[in-house]
């Protein structure tokens, strides 16, 4: 069975795909760039490199084969082992082994595996449909003229701003004086004088004024009572308490089948760890060797666990 098709599919959505017993394919991201020598624009690229030390079974490739081919995990693992054994025999005979749209494997004189990636394939999904293109610089366009024009405009703007500030310095004090004069004098205060020779009119005016003065306290008291009745009761609420509960899990493997996750947990338990099985994306089960409350402790323990379980990574939950 051709295992390379499954590897290609996983490389689009994962940064590391391990072929158990052989090595791991690692995606390396390169941002968009410009080749000034040829005036060529290149989109972002995820090129593939090979690391022969990443040869443990993390369950990703075998689980994908098991789920896609509808076979059990053990049969999928046997298919992968047979593929790797055949691959090693070809390399030992001095043959070149080509993984279609991934790269070529060869053995050097010392018997070490060498990998040459296929540079025509881009595994970065964000660059789907984007190709490199050339764009020549504009002819007759002098950048120095544009810079000079911007400097001149900036000088004009600064001169205009000085004029505005100078006018404001003159106008604001004048407005302040014009505003203060009416407030401190009686120029605009209205003076109303009631003069009459009729004693009945004067008596009526005094009676009305007295009635108004007696009515004011009563009305003011009614307003105060009404406002007090309409004020809603103040309810004191306790401030909510927030408690941060965060863990850093050291993941040693991700499996499609839950039974394989249990098997991995048994291995960790025999090594003296306290494993946990966590739900991962796409229906996978992640096996944690131990959990920590801070990232510093998690990184220290990850370095120690990676010696027995290479590829261990830290997951924050």
Foldseek 3Di string as FASTA:
>chain_A
DQLLVLVLVVVLPDQWDELAPFWIKGWDWDAWDADVVQQKTFHIFTAIDIDRVHRHCQAPSLQVCCVVVVHDSVVSNVVSVVVVVVVLVCQVVQHWDDRPQFWIWHADPVRDIDTDGDPVDGSHPVCVPPGMDHDDDDPPDDVVVVVVVVVVVVVVVVVVVVVVVVVCVVVVVVVVVVVVVVVVDCPPPDDDDDDDPDVVVVVVVVVVVVVVVVVVVVVVVVVVVVVVVPDDDDDDDDDDDDDDDKKKFWWLHKHQDVVVLVVVCVVLVVVPFDKDWDADPPNIITITRYMDDDPVVVVVVNVVVCVVRPPIDIDMD
